[in-house]
Amino acid sequence: MFFKFRIIRRIIKRKRGKKSEYIAYKNIAKKIALDKIKHFNAFYNFTFKKISIKNQKTRWGSCSKKGNLNFNYKIALLPKEFADYVIIHELCHLGQFNHSPAFWHLVAKTIPNYKAIKKEFKKIRL
C-alpha cells in the first residue's frame, strides 16, 4: 500500500496540472463522477444541479449552496476508494452543508470505514 501511495503522490503532487494533462483527464473524471453519483445517489436521492470538473489548486471537490458539485480532474488518478470518498463527501453536503456529526453519519451510510480512508487520504496532497 505504501508503494501505491508514493506513485499516486508523485503523479498528483503538482501545484497545478498542465493544461494538456487537465484536458486529457477531464472527460475521464467527468465520467467517473457521473457514474459514481448516479450509483450512490440512488441511495441518498439528493437533488443537484450540475457537475463540473475543474483544475483546482487546493481542493478535491466542493459543493455550492445552489446544488452544484465540483470535482478536481485528478480524481481520475485516484484509487477507487479515494475517488468514492471524494464524491460521496461532496454528495453528502447536499444533505448537510457542514461537517457536523449528522454529515458524517450520512457519509458512513455508504462508506462505513470513512475514518480510515480519510486518514490515509490526508497523505495525498494536490
N, C-alpha and C. Protein backbone atom coordinates (compact mmCIF):
# COMPACT_ATOMS: atom_id res chain seq x y z
N MET A 1 0.82 -1.19 0.00
CA MET A 1 0.00 0.00 0.00
C MET A 1 0.86 1.26 0.00
N PHE A 2 1.97 1.26 0.73
CA PHE A 2 2.85 2.42 0.79
C PHE A 2 3.39 2.75 -0.59
N PHE A 3 3.82 1.74 -1.35
CA PHE A 3 4.35 1.95 -2.70
C PHE A 3 3.30 2.62 -3.58
N LYS A 4 2.07 2.17 -3.44
CA LYS A 4 0.96 2.71 -4.20
C LYS A 4 0.80 4.21 -3.92
N PHE A 5 0.89 4.60 -2.64
CA PHE A 5 0.76 6.00 -2.27
C PHE A 5 1.90 6.84 -2.82
N ARG A 6 3.11 6.29 -2.86
CA ARG A 6 4.24 7.04 -3.39
C ARG A 6 4.04 7.36 -4.85
N ILE A 7 3.54 6.40 -5.61
CA ILE A 7 3.29 6.64 -7.03
C ILE A 7 2.18 7.66 -7.21
N ILE A 8 1.10 7.52 -6.46
CA ILE A 8 -0.02 8.45 -6.56
C ILE A 8 0.44 9.85 -6.19
N ARG A 9 1.18 9.96 -5.09
CA ARG A 9 1.68 11.27 -4.66
C ARG A 9 2.54 11.92 -5.73
N ARG A 10 3.38 11.12 -6.38
CA ARG A 10 4.26 11.65 -7.42
C ARG A 10 3.45 12.16 -8.61
N ILE A 11 2.42 11.45 -8.99
CA ILE A 11 1.59 11.86 -10.11
C ILE A 11 0.79 13.11 -9.77
N ILE A 12 0.25 13.14 -8.59
CA ILE A 12 -0.68 14.21 -8.21
C ILE A 12 0.04 15.44 -7.67
N LYS A 13 1.24 15.27 -7.14
CA LYS A 13 1.94 16.34 -6.42
C LYS A 13 2.48 17.41 -7.37
N ARG A 14 1.59 18.21 -7.84
CA ARG A 14 1.94 19.39 -8.62
C ARG A 14 1.02 20.48 -8.13
N LYS A 15 1.52 21.72 -8.11
CA LYS A 15 0.66 22.80 -7.65
C LYS A 15 -0.56 22.91 -8.55
N ARG A 16 -0.34 22.77 -9.81
CA ARG A 16 -1.43 22.83 -10.76
C ARG A 16 -1.03 22.01 -11.97
N GLY A 17 -1.93 21.17 -12.43
CA GLY A 17 -1.63 20.33 -13.57
C GLY A 17 -1.47 21.14 -14.84
N LYS A 18 -0.71 20.60 -15.76
CA LYS A 18 -0.55 21.25 -17.06
C LYS A 18 -1.89 21.19 -17.79
N LYS A 19 -2.09 22.15 -18.67
CA LYS A 19 -3.35 22.20 -19.40
C LYS A 19 -3.59 20.93 -20.21
N SER A 20 -2.54 20.39 -20.81
CA SER A 20 -2.71 19.17 -21.61
C SER A 20 -3.12 17.99 -20.72
N GLU A 21 -2.58 17.92 -19.52
CA GLU A 21 -2.96 16.88 -18.58
C GLU A 21 -4.41 17.05 -18.14
N TYR A 22 -4.79 18.29 -17.88
CA TYR A 22 -6.17 18.59 -17.49
C TYR A 22 -7.15 18.17 -18.58
N ILE A 23 -6.85 18.53 -19.81
CA ILE A 23 -7.72 18.17 -20.93
C ILE A 23 -7.80 16.65 -21.10
N ALA A 24 -6.67 15.97 -20.93
CA ALA A 24 -6.64 14.52 -21.10
C ALA A 24 -7.48 13.80 -20.05
N TYR A 25 -7.48 14.29 -18.83
CA TYR A 25 -8.18 13.60 -17.75
C TYR A 25 -9.56 14.16 -17.43
N LYS A 26 -9.89 15.32 -17.97
CA LYS A 26 -11.17 15.96 -17.65
C LYS A 26 -12.36 15.07 -18.00
N ASN A 27 -12.38 14.52 -19.20
CA ASN A 27 -13.51 13.68 -19.61
C ASN A 27 -13.58 12.38 -18.83
N ILE A 28 -12.42 11.82 -18.50
CA ILE A 28 -12.38 10.60 -17.69
C ILE A 28 -12.95 10.90 -16.30
N ALA A 29 -12.52 12.02 -15.72
CA ALA A 29 -13.01 12.41 -14.39
C ALA A 29 -14.51 12.69 -14.42
N LYS A 30 -14.99 13.29 -15.48
CA LYS A 30 -16.43 13.59 -15.60
C LYS A 30 -17.24 12.28 -15.64
N LYS A 31 -16.75 11.32 -16.40
CA LYS A 31 -17.45 10.03 -16.49
C LYS A 31 -17.44 9.32 -15.13
N ILE A 32 -16.29 9.34 -14.46
CA ILE A 32 -16.20 8.73 -13.13
C ILE A 32 -17.20 9.39 -12.18
N ALA A 33 -17.20 10.73 -12.16
CA ALA A 33 -18.09 11.47 -11.26
C ALA A 33 -19.56 11.18 -11.58
N LEU A 34 -19.93 11.23 -12.84
CA LEU A 34 -21.32 10.97 -13.23
C LEU A 34 -21.76 9.56 -12.85
N ASP A 35 -20.92 8.57 -13.16
CA ASP A 35 -21.26 7.18 -12.86
C ASP A 35 -21.40 6.94 -11.36
N LYS A 36 -20.47 7.48 -10.59
CA LYS A 36 -20.49 7.25 -9.14
C LYS A 36 -21.63 8.02 -8.48
N ILE A 37 -21.90 9.22 -8.95
CA ILE A 37 -23.01 9.98 -8.38
C ILE A 37 -24.33 9.29 -8.69
N LYS A 38 -24.47 8.80 -9.90
CA LYS A 38 -25.68 8.06 -10.27
C LYS A 38 -25.84 6.84 -9.35
N HIS A 39 -24.75 6.12 -9.14
CA HIS A 39 -24.78 4.92 -8.30
C HIS A 39 -25.13 5.26 -6.84
N PHE A 40 -24.38 6.19 -6.25
CA PHE A 40 -24.57 6.49 -4.83
C PHE A 40 -25.82 7.33 -4.56
N ASN A 41 -26.21 8.16 -5.51
CA ASN A 41 -27.39 8.99 -5.29
C ASN A 41 -28.68 8.16 -5.39
N ALA A 42 -28.60 6.97 -5.93
CA ALA A 42 -29.76 6.06 -5.89
C ALA A 42 -30.10 5.74 -4.43
N PHE A 43 -29.07 5.75 -3.58
CA PHE A 43 -29.26 5.51 -2.15
C PHE A 43 -29.70 6.80 -1.43
N TYR A 44 -29.01 7.91 -1.71
CA TYR A 44 -29.27 9.16 -1.00
C TYR A 44 -30.48 9.92 -1.54
N ASN A 45 -30.64 9.92 -2.84
CA ASN A 45 -31.74 10.62 -3.51
C ASN A 45 -31.71 12.13 -3.27
N PHE A 46 -30.52 12.73 -3.38
CA PHE A 46 -30.39 14.18 -3.26
C PHE A 46 -30.61 14.82 -4.63
N THR A 47 -30.98 16.09 -4.61
CA THR A 47 -31.16 16.85 -5.85
C THR A 47 -29.94 17.72 -6.05
N PHE A 48 -29.39 17.69 -7.25
CA PHE A 48 -28.26 18.56 -7.57
C PHE A 48 -28.50 19.17 -8.94
N LYS A 49 -27.78 20.25 -9.22
CA LYS A 49 -27.98 20.95 -10.49
C LYS A 49 -27.00 20.49 -11.55
N LYS A 50 -25.71 20.75 -11.33
CA LYS A 50 -24.75 20.35 -12.35
C LYS A 50 -23.46 19.84 -11.72
N ILE A 51 -22.71 19.12 -12.53
CA ILE A 51 -21.43 18.56 -12.11
C ILE A 51 -20.36 19.18 -13.00
N SER A 52 -19.34 19.73 -12.37
CA SER A 52 -18.23 20.35 -13.12
C SER A 52 -16.92 19.70 -12.73
N ILE A 53 -16.04 19.62 -13.70
CA ILE A 53 -14.68 19.13 -13.46
C ILE A 53 -13.75 20.32 -13.67
N LYS A 54 -12.91 20.57 -12.66
CA LYS A 54 -12.05 21.75 -12.69
C LYS A 54 -10.60 21.39 -12.43
N ASN A 55 -9.75 22.36 -12.65
CA ASN A 55 -8.33 22.23 -12.37
C ASN A 55 -8.02 23.06 -11.14
N GLN A 56 -8.58 22.63 -10.01
CA GLN A 56 -8.43 23.38 -8.77
C GLN A 56 -7.04 23.16 -8.18
N LYS A 57 -6.56 24.17 -7.53
CA LYS A 57 -5.22 24.13 -6.96
C LYS A 57 -5.18 23.43 -5.61
N THR A 58 -6.21 23.61 -4.79
CA THR A 58 -6.15 23.11 -3.41
C THR A 58 -7.32 22.23 -3.00
N ARG A 59 -8.28 22.01 -3.86
CA ARG A 59 -9.47 21.25 -3.48
C ARG A 59 -9.67 20.02 -4.35
N TRP A 60 -10.13 18.97 -3.71
CA TRP A 60 -10.52 17.77 -4.44
C TRP A 60 -11.95 17.89 -4.95
N GLY A 61 -12.75 18.64 -4.22
CA GLY A 61 -14.13 18.83 -4.62
C GLY A 61 -14.78 19.90 -3.79
N SER A 62 -15.96 20.31 -4.25
CA SER A 62 -16.74 21.29 -3.50
C SER A 62 -18.21 21.14 -3.87
N CYS A 63 -19.05 21.70 -3.02
CA CYS A 63 -20.49 21.68 -3.24
C CYS A 63 -21.00 23.08 -2.95
N SER A 64 -21.72 23.66 -3.90
CA SER A 64 -22.23 25.01 -3.69
C SER A 64 -23.62 24.97 -3.06
N LYS A 65 -24.00 26.07 -2.47
CA LYS A 65 -25.34 26.18 -1.88
C LYS A 65 -26.42 26.04 -2.94
N LYS A 66 -26.08 26.30 -4.20
CA LYS A 66 -27.03 26.16 -5.31
C LYS A 66 -27.23 24.71 -5.72
N GLY A 67 -26.39 23.81 -5.19
CA GLY A 67 -26.52 22.40 -5.52
C GLY A 67 -25.61 21.93 -6.64
N ASN A 68 -24.57 22.71 -6.94
CA ASN A 68 -23.60 22.32 -7.96
C ASN A 68 -22.46 21.55 -7.31
N LEU A 69 -22.07 20.46 -7.93
CA LEU A 69 -20.96 19.64 -7.45
C LEU A 69 -19.76 19.86 -8.35
N ASN A 70 -18.62 20.17 -7.75
CA ASN A 70 -17.38 20.42 -8.49
C ASN A 70 -16.33 19.43 -8.02
N PHE A 71 -15.57 18.90 -8.98
CA PHE A 71 -14.53 17.95 -8.66
C PHE A 71 -13.25 18.30 -9.41
N ASN A 72 -12.14 18.01 -8.76
CA ASN A 72 -10.84 18.18 -9.40
C ASN A 72 -10.65 17.06 -10.42
N TYR A 73 -10.07 17.38 -11.55
CA TYR A 73 -9.86 16.37 -12.59
C TYR A 73 -8.97 15.23 -12.10
N LYS A 74 -8.20 15.48 -11.06
CA LYS A 74 -7.26 14.45 -10.57
C LYS A 74 -7.96 13.30 -9.84
N ILE A 75 -9.29 13.37 -9.70
CA ILE A 75 -9.99 12.20 -9.15
C ILE A 75 -9.83 11.02 -10.10
N ALA A 76 -9.55 11.32 -11.36
CA ALA A 76 -9.34 10.25 -12.35
C ALA A 76 -8.05 9.48 -12.06
N LEU A 77 -7.16 10.07 -11.29
CA LEU A 77 -5.87 9.45 -10.97
C LEU A 77 -5.88 8.72 -9.63
N LEU A 78 -6.97 8.86 -8.90
CA LEU A 78 -7.06 8.27 -7.56
C LEU A 78 -7.50 6.81 -7.61
N PRO A 79 -7.08 6.03 -6.63
CA PRO A 79 -7.64 4.68 -6.48
C PRO A 79 -9.14 4.80 -6.20
N LYS A 80 -9.87 3.77 -6.54
CA LYS A 80 -11.33 3.76 -6.44
C LYS A 80 -11.85 4.22 -5.08
N GLU A 81 -11.28 3.70 -3.99
CA GLU A 81 -11.82 4.04 -2.67
C GLU A 81 -11.65 5.52 -2.33
N PHE A 82 -10.60 6.16 -2.84
CA PHE A 82 -10.41 7.58 -2.59
C PHE A 82 -11.33 8.42 -3.47
N ALA A 83 -11.49 8.02 -4.71
CA ALA A 83 -12.42 8.73 -5.60
C ALA A 83 -13.84 8.63 -5.04
N ASP A 84 -14.22 7.44 -4.58
CA ASP A 84 -15.54 7.25 -3.97
C ASP A 84 -15.70 8.19 -2.77
N TYR A 85 -14.67 8.27 -1.94
CA TYR A 85 -14.72 9.11 -0.75
C TYR A 85 -14.97 10.58 -1.12
N VAL A 86 -14.22 11.09 -2.09
CA VAL A 86 -14.37 12.49 -2.51
C VAL A 86 -15.78 12.74 -3.02
N ILE A 87 -16.25 11.85 -3.87
CA ILE A 87 -17.56 12.02 -4.50
C ILE A 87 -18.69 11.90 -3.47
N ILE A 88 -18.62 10.93 -2.61
CA ILE A 88 -19.65 10.77 -1.58
C ILE A 88 -19.61 11.94 -0.59
N HIS A 89 -18.41 12.38 -0.25
CA HIS A 89 -18.25 13.52 0.66
C HIS A 89 -19.02 14.73 0.11
N GLU A 90 -18.78 15.06 -1.15
CA GLU A 90 -19.45 16.23 -1.74
C GLU A 90 -20.94 15.97 -1.92
N LEU A 91 -21.31 14.78 -2.29
CA LEU A 91 -22.73 14.43 -2.45
C LEU A 91 -23.47 14.60 -1.12
N CYS A 92 -22.86 14.20 -0.02
CA CYS A 92 -23.49 14.32 1.30
C CYS A 92 -23.65 15.76 1.75
N HIS A 93 -22.87 16.67 1.19
CA HIS A 93 -23.05 18.08 1.51
C HIS A 93 -24.38 18.61 0.99
N LEU A 94 -24.98 17.90 0.05
CA LEU A 94 -26.31 18.30 -0.41
C LEU A 94 -27.35 18.05 0.68
N GLY A 95 -27.07 17.13 1.57
CA GLY A 95 -27.97 16.84 2.69
C GLY A 95 -27.61 17.61 3.95
N GLN A 96 -26.33 17.81 4.17
CA GLN A 96 -25.83 18.55 5.33
C GLN A 96 -24.69 19.44 4.84
N PHE A 97 -24.92 20.74 4.81
CA PHE A 97 -23.91 21.66 4.27
C PHE A 97 -22.93 22.08 5.36
N ASN A 98 -22.30 21.09 5.99
CA ASN A 98 -21.36 21.32 7.08
C ASN A 98 -20.59 20.03 7.32
N HIS A 99 -19.80 19.98 8.37
CA HIS A 99 -19.09 18.76 8.75
C HIS A 99 -19.52 18.32 10.15
N SER A 100 -20.79 18.40 10.40
CA SER A 100 -21.35 18.02 11.70
C SER A 100 -21.41 16.49 11.82
N PRO A 101 -21.70 15.98 13.02
CA PRO A 101 -21.89 14.54 13.17
C PRO A 101 -22.98 13.99 12.23
N ALA A 102 -24.01 14.80 11.97
CA ALA A 102 -25.07 14.37 11.04
C ALA A 102 -24.52 14.18 9.63
N PHE A 103 -23.60 15.05 9.22
CA PHE A 103 -22.96 14.92 7.91
C PHE A 103 -22.16 13.61 7.84
N TRP A 104 -21.33 13.36 8.85
CA TRP A 104 -20.50 12.16 8.84
C TRP A 104 -21.35 10.90 8.95
N HIS A 105 -22.51 11.01 9.57
CA HIS A 105 -23.44 9.88 9.62
C HIS A 105 -23.94 9.55 8.20
N LEU A 106 -24.20 10.59 7.41
CA LEU A 106 -24.61 10.38 6.01
C LEU A 106 -23.49 9.68 5.23
N VAL A 107 -22.27 10.14 5.41
CA VAL A 107 -21.12 9.54 4.72
C VAL A 107 -20.98 8.07 5.12
N ALA A 108 -21.14 7.80 6.41
CA ALA A 108 -20.97 6.44 6.94
C ALA A 108 -22.00 5.46 6.40
N LYS A 109 -23.11 5.95 5.90
CA LYS A 109 -24.13 5.06 5.35
C LYS A 109 -23.63 4.29 4.13
N THR A 110 -22.75 4.90 3.34
CA THR A 110 -22.22 4.21 2.17
C THR A 110 -20.73 3.90 2.28
N ILE A 111 -20.05 4.57 3.20
CA ILE A 111 -18.63 4.28 3.45
C ILE A 111 -18.45 4.10 4.96
N PRO A 112 -18.76 2.91 5.48
CA PRO A 112 -18.66 2.70 6.93
C PRO A 112 -17.25 2.90 7.47
N ASN A 113 -16.24 2.66 6.66
CA ASN A 113 -14.85 2.83 7.10
C ASN A 113 -14.27 4.18 6.65
N TYR A 114 -15.11 5.20 6.55
CA TYR A 114 -14.66 6.50 6.05
C TYR A 114 -13.53 7.10 6.89
N LYS A 115 -13.49 6.82 8.19
CA LYS A 115 -12.44 7.39 9.04
C LYS A 115 -11.06 6.89 8.61
N ALA A 116 -10.94 5.62 8.30
CA ALA A 116 -9.66 5.06 7.86
C ALA A 116 -9.28 5.63 6.49
N ILE A 117 -10.24 5.74 5.60
CA ILE A 117 -9.96 6.30 4.27
C ILE A 117 -9.56 7.76 4.40
N LYS A 118 -10.27 8.50 5.23
CA LYS A 118 -9.97 9.91 5.45
C LYS A 118 -8.54 10.08 5.98
N LYS A 119 -8.14 9.23 6.90
CA LYS A 119 -6.79 9.29 7.47
C LYS A 119 -5.73 9.02 6.40
N GLU A 120 -5.93 8.00 5.59
CA GLU A 120 -4.98 7.68 4.52
C GLU A 120 -4.99 8.75 3.43
N PHE A 121 -6.17 9.30 3.17
CA PHE A 121 -6.32 10.30 2.12
C PHE A 121 -5.52 11.56 2.43
N LYS A 122 -5.35 11.85 3.70
CA LYS A 122 -4.58 13.05 4.10
C LYS A 122 -3.12 12.97 3.66
N LYS A 123 -2.66 11.77 3.36
CA LYS A 123 -1.27 11.59 2.90
C LYS A 123 -1.10 12.02 1.45
N ILE A 124 -2.21 12.11 0.73
CA ILE A 124 -2.17 12.50 -0.68
C ILE A 124 -2.50 13.99 -0.75
N ARG A 125 -1.61 14.75 -1.30
CA ARG A 125 -1.81 16.19 -1.42
C ARG A 125 -1.90 16.56 -2.89
N LEU A 126 -2.67 17.61 -3.15
CA LEU A 126 -2.77 18.11 -4.52
C LEU A 126 -1.51 18.83 -4.92
